Amino acid sequence: MNFHLDLIEDKVELFEADSIKVLEEKIQSQIEANKAILLEVHHVSHQMHVTEEGRRFYSALVHFKAKR
């Protein structure tokens, strides 16, 4: 039986929330979780959308890369 482990080199995660504070909390929580598997933030892209009712909707894409 062969047992082989591959390290995760890149990981992209998407987040969404109704407030910027909740979005930041979600991202920060995942940053801490990814530190355990030796990933760090490489790039963050975020957007805000306003619905027809005037409500704001926040989303973010976070690209994690392996620490070198």
PDB file of N, CA and C in Angstrom:
ATOM      1  N   MET A   1       0.840  -1.188   0.000  1.00  0.00           N
ATOM      2  CA  MET A   1       0.000   0.000   0.000  1.00  0.00           C
ATOM      3  C   MET A   1       0.879   1.243   0.000  1.00  0.00           C
ATOM      4  N   ASN A   2       0.661   2.107  -0.951  1.00  0.00           N
ATOM      5  CA  ASN A   2       1.408   3.357  -1.050  1.00  0.00           C
ATOM      6  C   ASN A   2       0.620   4.471  -0.397  1.00  0.00           C
ATOM      7  N   PHE A   3       1.324   5.280   0.364  1.00  0.00           N
ATOM      8  CA  PHE A   3       0.704   6.415   1.041  1.00  0.00           C
ATOM      9  C   PHE A   3       1.468   7.660   0.630  1.00  0.00           C
ATOM     10  N   HIS A   4       0.778   8.602  -0.015  1.00  0.00           N
ATOM     11  CA  HIS A   4       1.438   9.789  -0.544  1.00  0.00           C
ATOM     12  C   HIS A   4       0.662  11.039  -0.125  1.00  0.00           C
ATOM     13  N   LEU A   5       1.366  12.008   0.424  1.00  0.00           N
ATOM     14  CA  LEU A   5       0.752  13.271   0.824  1.00  0.00           C
ATOM     15  C   LEU A   5       1.219  14.388  -0.107  1.00  0.00           C
ATOM     16  N   ASP A   6       0.291  15.175  -0.591  1.00  0.00           N
ATOM     17  CA  ASP A   6       0.605  16.351  -1.389  1.00  0.00           C
ATOM     18  C   ASP A   6       0.281  17.594  -0.571  1.00  0.00           C
ATOM     19  N   LEU A   7       1.159  18.558  -0.617  1.00  0.00           N
ATOM     20  CA  LEU A   7       0.906  19.818   0.065  1.00  0.00           C
ATOM     21  C   LEU A   7       0.003  20.693  -0.787  1.00  0.00           C
ATOM     22  N   ILE A   8      -0.867  21.411  -0.133  1.00  0.00           N
ATOM     23  CA  ILE A   8      -1.714  22.374  -0.834  1.00  0.00           C
ATOM     24  C   ILE A   8      -0.863  23.606  -1.113  1.00  0.00           C
ATOM     25  N   GLU A   9      -0.729  23.980  -2.372  1.00  0.00           N
ATOM     26  CA  GLU A   9       0.100  25.131  -2.728  1.00  0.00           C
ATOM     27  C   GLU A   9      -0.733  26.393  -2.947  1.00  0.00           C
ATOM     28  N   ASP A  10      -1.926  26.243  -3.485  1.00  0.00           N
ATOM     29  CA  ASP A  10      -2.837  27.363  -3.749  1.00  0.00           C
ATOM     30  C   ASP A  10      -4.238  26.976  -3.314  1.00  0.00           C
ATOM     31  N   LYS A  11      -4.953  27.964  -2.801  1.00  0.00           N
ATOM     32  CA  LYS A  11      -6.330  27.738  -2.380  1.00  0.00           C
ATOM     33  C   LYS A  11      -7.076  29.061  -2.530  1.00  0.00           C
ATOM     34  N   VAL A  12      -8.237  29.022  -3.159  1.00  0.00           N
ATOM     35  CA  VAL A  12      -9.059  30.214  -3.340  1.00  0.00           C
ATOM     36  C   VAL A  12     -10.374  29.989  -2.607  1.00  0.00           C
ATOM     37  N   GLU A  13     -10.762  30.970  -1.794  1.00  0.00           N
ATOM     38  CA  GLU A  13     -12.010  30.862  -1.040  1.00  0.00           C
ATOM     39  C   GLU A  13     -12.850  32.114  -1.270  1.00  0.00           C
ATOM     40  N   LEU A  14     -14.152  31.909  -1.300  1.00  0.00           N
ATOM     41  CA  LEU A  14     -15.103  33.003  -1.504  1.00  0.00           C
ATOM     42  C   LEU A  14     -15.907  33.211  -0.228  1.00  0.00           C
ATOM     43  N   PHE A  15     -16.167  34.465   0.086  1.00  0.00           N
ATOM     44  CA  PHE A  15     -16.916  34.824   1.287  1.00  0.00           C
ATOM     45  C   PHE A  15     -17.981  35.843   0.913  1.00  0.00           C
ATOM     46  N   GLU A  16     -19.113  35.813   1.634  1.00  0.00           N
ATOM     47  CA  GLU A  16     -20.160  36.810   1.428  1.00  0.00           C
ATOM     48  C   GLU A  16     -20.871  37.087   2.740  1.00  0.00           C
ATOM     49  N   ALA A  17     -21.369  38.324   2.868  1.00  0.00           N
ATOM     50  CA  ALA A  17     -22.047  38.726   4.099  1.00  0.00           C
ATOM     51  C   ALA A  17     -22.869  39.980   3.846  1.00  0.00           C
ATOM     52  N   ASP A  18     -23.755  40.259   4.800  1.00  0.00           N
ATOM     53  CA  ASP A  18     -24.600  41.445   4.716  1.00  0.00           C
ATOM     54  C   ASP A  18     -23.932  42.694   5.286  1.00  0.00           C
ATOM     55  N   SER A  19     -22.829  42.503   6.030  1.00  0.00           N
ATOM     56  CA  SER A  19     -22.109  43.661   6.563  1.00  0.00           C
ATOM     57  C   SER A  19     -20.612  43.435   6.404  1.00  0.00           C
ATOM     58  N   ILE A  20     -19.886  44.530   6.316  1.00  0.00           N
ATOM     59  CA  ILE A  20     -18.436  44.446   6.149  1.00  0.00           C
ATOM     60  C   ILE A  20     -17.789  43.835   7.378  1.00  0.00           C
ATOM     61  N   LYS A  21     -18.334  44.101   8.555  1.00  0.00           N
ATOM     62  CA  LYS A  21     -17.777  43.556   9.799  1.00  0.00           C
ATOM     63  C   LYS A  21     -17.885  42.031   9.816  1.00  0.00           C
ATOM     64  N   VAL A  22     -19.023  41.494   9.440  1.00  0.00           N
ATOM     65  CA  VAL A  22     -19.210  40.046   9.401  1.00  0.00           C
ATOM     66  C   VAL A  22     -18.292  39.422   8.352  1.00  0.00           C
ATOM     67  N   LEU A  23     -18.149  40.084   7.211  1.00  0.00           N
ATOM     68  CA  LEU A  23     -17.257  39.597   6.159  1.00  0.00           C
ATOM     69  C   LEU A  23     -15.818  39.530   6.669  1.00  0.00           C
ATOM     70  N   GLU A  24     -15.365  40.574   7.347  1.00  0.00           N
ATOM     71  CA  GLU A  24     -14.013  40.595   7.897  1.00  0.00           C
ATOM     72  C   GLU A  24     -13.812  39.491   8.919  1.00  0.00           C
ATOM     73  N   GLU A  25     -14.824  39.234   9.754  1.00  0.00           N
ATOM     74  CA  GLU A  25     -14.730  38.174  10.757  1.00  0.00           C
ATOM     75  C   GLU A  25     -14.609  36.801  10.092  1.00  0.00           C
ATOM     76  N   LYS A  26     -15.382  36.573   9.042  1.00  0.00           N
ATOM     77  CA  LYS A  26     -15.319  35.298   8.318  1.00  0.00           C
ATOM     78  C   LYS A  26     -13.938  35.081   7.704  1.00  0.00           C
ATOM     79  N   ILE A  27     -13.413  36.136   7.090  1.00  0.00           N
ATOM     80  CA  ILE A  27     -12.097  36.036   6.453  1.00  0.00           C
ATOM     81  C   ILE A  27     -11.019  35.804   7.503  1.00  0.00           C
ATOM     82  N   GLN A  28     -11.056  36.551   8.595  1.00  0.00           N
ATOM     83  CA  GLN A  28     -10.050  36.401   9.642  1.00  0.00           C
ATOM     84  C   GLN A  28     -10.076  35.006  10.249  1.00  0.00           C
ATOM     85  N   SER A  29     -11.252  34.471  10.439  1.00  0.00           N
ATOM     86  CA  SER A  29     -11.384  33.115  10.971  1.00  0.00           C
ATOM     87  C   SER A  29     -10.731  32.094  10.040  1.00  0.00           C
ATOM     88  N   GLN A  30     -10.940  32.268   8.747  1.00  0.00           N
ATOM     89  CA  GLN A  30     -10.359  31.327   7.783  1.00  0.00           C
ATOM     90  C   GLN A  30      -8.854  31.522   7.644  1.00  0.00           C
ATOM     91  N   ILE A  31      -8.375  32.732   7.811  1.00  0.00           N
ATOM     92  CA  ILE A  31      -6.922  32.978   7.797  1.00  0.00           C
ATOM     93  C   ILE A  31      -6.268  32.182   8.920  1.00  0.00           C
ATOM     94  N   GLU A  32      -6.861  32.217  10.108  1.00  0.00           N
ATOM     95  CA  GLU A  32      -6.315  31.469  11.236  1.00  0.00           C
ATOM     96  C   GLU A  32      -6.338  29.966  10.960  1.00  0.00           C
ATOM     97  N   ALA A  33      -7.414  29.460  10.367  1.00  0.00           N
ATOM     98  CA  ALA A  33      -7.515  28.034  10.055  1.00  0.00           C
ATOM     99  C   ALA A  33      -6.476  27.624   9.013  1.00  0.00           C
ATOM    100  N   ASN A  34      -6.240  28.477   8.040  1.00  0.00           N
ATOM    101  CA  ASN A  34      -5.282  28.150   6.981  1.00  0.00           C
ATOM    102  C   ASN A  34      -3.832  28.253   7.435  1.00  0.00           C
ATOM    103  N   LYS A  35      -3.579  28.987   8.509  1.00  0.00           N
ATOM    104  CA  LYS A  35      -2.226  29.028   9.059  1.00  0.00           C
ATOM    105  C   LYS A  35      -1.799  27.631   9.508  1.00  0.00           C
ATOM    106  N   ALA A  36      -2.751  26.847   9.976  1.00  0.00           N
ATOM    107  CA  ALA A  36      -2.457  25.493  10.447  1.00  0.00           C
ATOM    108  C   ALA A  36      -1.965  24.590   9.324  1.00  0.00           C
ATOM    109  N   ILE A  37      -2.372  24.880   8.097  1.00  0.00           N
ATOM    110  CA  ILE A  37      -1.907  24.076   6.953  1.00  0.00           C
ATOM    111  C   ILE A  37      -0.884  24.857   6.119  1.00  0.00           C
ATOM    112  N   LEU A  38      -0.239  25.814   6.790  1.00  0.00           N
ATOM    113  CA  LEU A  38       0.882  26.585   6.230  1.00  0.00           C
ATOM    114  C   LEU A  38       0.534  27.379   4.979  1.00  0.00           C
ATOM    115  N   LEU A  39      -0.648  27.973   4.986  1.00  0.00           N
ATOM    116  CA  LEU A  39      -1.046  28.860   3.891  1.00  0.00           C
ATOM    117  C   LEU A  39      -1.129  30.288   4.414  1.00  0.00           C
ATOM    118  N   GLU A  40      -0.758  31.239   3.573  1.00  0.00           N
ATOM    119  CA  GLU A  40      -0.880  32.639   3.930  1.00  0.00           C
ATOM    120  C   GLU A  40      -1.607  33.381   2.814  1.00  0.00           C
ATOM    121  N   VAL A  41      -2.140  34.550   3.134  1.00  0.00           N
ATOM    122  CA  VAL A  41      -2.891  35.340   2.163  1.00  0.00           C
ATOM    123  C   VAL A  41      -1.940  35.876   1.103  1.00  0.00           C
ATOM    124  N   HIS A  42      -2.298  35.640  -0.145  1.00  0.00           N
ATOM    125  CA  HIS A  42      -1.522  36.152  -1.271  1.00  0.00           C
ATOM    126  C   HIS A  42      -2.216  37.372  -1.891  1.00  0.00           C
ATOM    127  N   HIS A  43      -3.548  37.303  -2.003  1.00  0.00           N
ATOM    128  CA  HIS A  43      -4.297  38.385  -2.641  1.00  0.00           C
ATOM    129  C   HIS A  43      -5.739  38.379  -2.146  1.00  0.00           C
ATOM    130  N   VAL A  44      -6.316  39.561  -2.018  1.00  0.00           N
ATOM    131  CA  VAL A  44      -7.728  39.708  -1.644  1.00  0.00           C
ATOM    132  C   VAL A  44      -8.400  40.624  -2.641  1.00  0.00           C
ATOM    133  N   SER A  45      -9.571  40.195  -3.117  1.00  0.00           N
ATOM    134  CA  SER A  45     -10.383  41.015  -4.008  1.00  0.00           C
ATOM    135  C   SER A  45     -11.775  41.093  -3.389  1.00  0.00           C
ATOM    136  N   HIS A  46     -12.352  42.282  -3.335  1.00  0.00           N
ATOM    137  CA  HIS A  46     -13.673  42.402  -2.699  1.00  0.00           C
ATOM    138  C   HIS A  46     -14.577  43.333  -3.512  1.00  0.00           C
ATOM    139  N   GLN A  47     -15.869  43.147  -3.298  1.00  0.00           N
ATOM    140  CA  GLN A  47     -16.866  43.971  -3.976  1.00  0.00           C
ATOM    141  C   GLN A  47     -18.029  44.254  -3.045  1.00  0.00           C
ATOM    142  N   MET A  48     -18.751  45.333  -3.353  1.00  0.00           N
ATOM    143  CA  MET A  48     -19.975  45.651  -2.649  1.00  0.00           C
ATOM    144  C   MET A  48     -21.070  45.868  -3.684  1.00  0.00           C
ATOM    145  N   HIS A  49     -22.232  45.316  -3.417  1.00  0.00           N
ATOM    146  CA  HIS A  49     -23.363  45.461  -4.324  1.00  0.00           C
ATOM    147  C   HIS A  49     -24.531  46.043  -3.538  1.00  0.00           C
ATOM    148  N   VAL A  50     -25.234  46.984  -4.128  1.00  0.00           N
ATOM    149  CA  VAL A  50     -26.427  47.555  -3.502  1.00  0.00           C
ATOM    150  C   VAL A  50     -27.645  47.020  -4.246  1.00  0.00           C
ATOM    151  N   THR A  51     -28.552  46.382  -3.499  1.00  0.00           N
ATOM    152  CA  THR A  51     -29.749  45.820  -4.114  1.00  0.00           C
ATOM    153  C   THR A  51     -30.743  46.927  -4.460  1.00  0.00           C
ATOM    154  N   GLU A  52     -31.790  46.565  -5.167  1.00  0.00           N
ATOM    155  CA  GLU A  52     -32.833  47.541  -5.539  1.00  0.00           C
ATOM    156  C   GLU A  52     -33.498  48.142  -4.308  1.00  0.00           C
ATOM    157  N   GLU A  53     -33.499  47.383  -3.199  1.00  0.00           N
ATOM    158  CA  GLU A  53     -34.102  47.872  -1.957  1.00  0.00           C
ATOM    159  C   GLU A  53     -33.142  48.749  -1.156  1.00  0.00           C
ATOM    160  N   GLY A  54     -31.917  48.927  -1.642  1.00  0.00           N
ATOM    161  CA  GLY A  54     -30.948  49.761  -0.958  1.00  0.00           C
ATOM    162  C   GLY A  54     -30.080  49.019   0.045  1.00  0.00           C
ATOM    163  N   ARG A  55     -30.211  47.701   0.134  1.00  0.00           N
ATOM    164  CA  ARG A  55     -29.385  46.916   1.061  1.00  0.00           C
ATOM    165  C   ARG A  55     -28.028  46.641   0.434  1.00  0.00           C
ATOM    166  N   ARG A  56     -27.015  46.662   1.255  1.00  0.00           N
ATOM    167  CA  ARG A  56     -25.659  46.387   0.786  1.00  0.00           C
ATOM    168  C   ARG A  56     -25.335  44.907   0.962  1.00  0.00           C
ATOM    169  N   PHE A  57     -24.577  44.383   0.019  1.00  0.00           N
ATOM    170  CA  PHE A  57     -24.142  42.990   0.033  1.00  0.00           C
ATOM    171  C   PHE A  57     -22.649  42.972  -0.277  1.00  0.00           C
ATOM    172  N   TYR A  58     -21.863  42.354   0.592  1.00  0.00           N
ATOM    173  CA  TYR A  58     -20.415  42.340   0.455  1.00  0.00           C
ATOM    174  C   TYR A  58     -19.927  40.944   0.087  1.00  0.00           C
ATOM    175  N   SER A  59     -18.916  40.892  -0.772  1.00  0.00           N
ATOM    176  CA  SER A  59     -18.305  39.609  -1.125  1.00  0.00           C
ATOM    177  C   SER A  59     -16.798  39.804  -1.264  1.00  0.00           C
ATOM    178  N   ALA A  60     -16.077  38.713  -1.059  1.00  0.00           N
ATOM    179  CA  ALA A  60     -14.619  38.771  -1.174  1.00  0.00           C
ATOM    180  C   ALA A  60     -14.093  37.436  -1.670  1.00  0.00           C
ATOM    181  N   LEU A  61     -13.018  37.511  -2.421  1.00  0.00           N
ATOM    182  CA  LEU A  61     -12.283  36.346  -2.876  1.00  0.00           C
ATOM    183  C   LEU A  61     -10.892  36.460  -2.258  1.00  0.00           C
ATOM    184  N   VAL A  62     -10.472  35.399  -1.567  1.00  0.00           N
ATOM    185  CA  VAL A  62      -9.161  35.404  -0.927  1.00  0.00           C
ATOM    186  C   VAL A  62      -8.336  34.267  -1.512  1.00  0.00           C
ATOM    187  N   HIS A  63      -7.151  34.629  -2.036  1.00  0.00           N
ATOM    188  CA  HIS A  63      -6.231  33.647  -2.605  1.00  0.00           C
ATOM    189  C   HIS A  63      -5.147  33.366  -1.582  1.00  0.00           C
ATOM    190  N   PHE A  64      -5.074  32.108  -1.145  1.00  0.00           N
ATOM    191  CA  PHE A  64      -4.055  31.679  -0.199  1.00  0.00           C
ATOM    192  C   PHE A  64      -2.958  30.941  -0.954  1.00  0.00           C
ATOM    193  N   LYS A  65      -1.710  31.126  -0.542  1.00  0.00           N
ATOM    194  CA  LYS A  65      -0.572  30.420  -1.131  1.00  0.00           C
ATOM    195  C   LYS A  65       0.268  29.812  -0.016  1.00  0.00           C
ATOM    196  N   ALA A  66       0.981  28.756  -0.360  1.00  0.00           N
ATOM    197  CA  ALA A  66       1.854  28.094   0.603  1.00  0.00           C
ATOM    198  C   ALA A  66       2.986  29.023   1.014  1.00  0.00           C
ATOM    199  N   LYS A  67       3.338  28.971   2.299  1.00  0.00           N
ATOM    200  CA  LYS A  67       4.468  29.756   2.797  1.00  0.00           C
ATOM    201  C   LYS A  67       5.746  29.162   2.232  1.00  0.00           C
ATOM    202  N   ARG A  68       6.645  30.006   1.841  1.00  0.00           N
ATOM    203  CA  ARG A  68       7.931  29.540   1.280  1.00  0.00           C
ATOM    204  C   ARG A  68       9.035  29.732   2.283  1.00  0.00           C
TER     205      ARG A  68
END
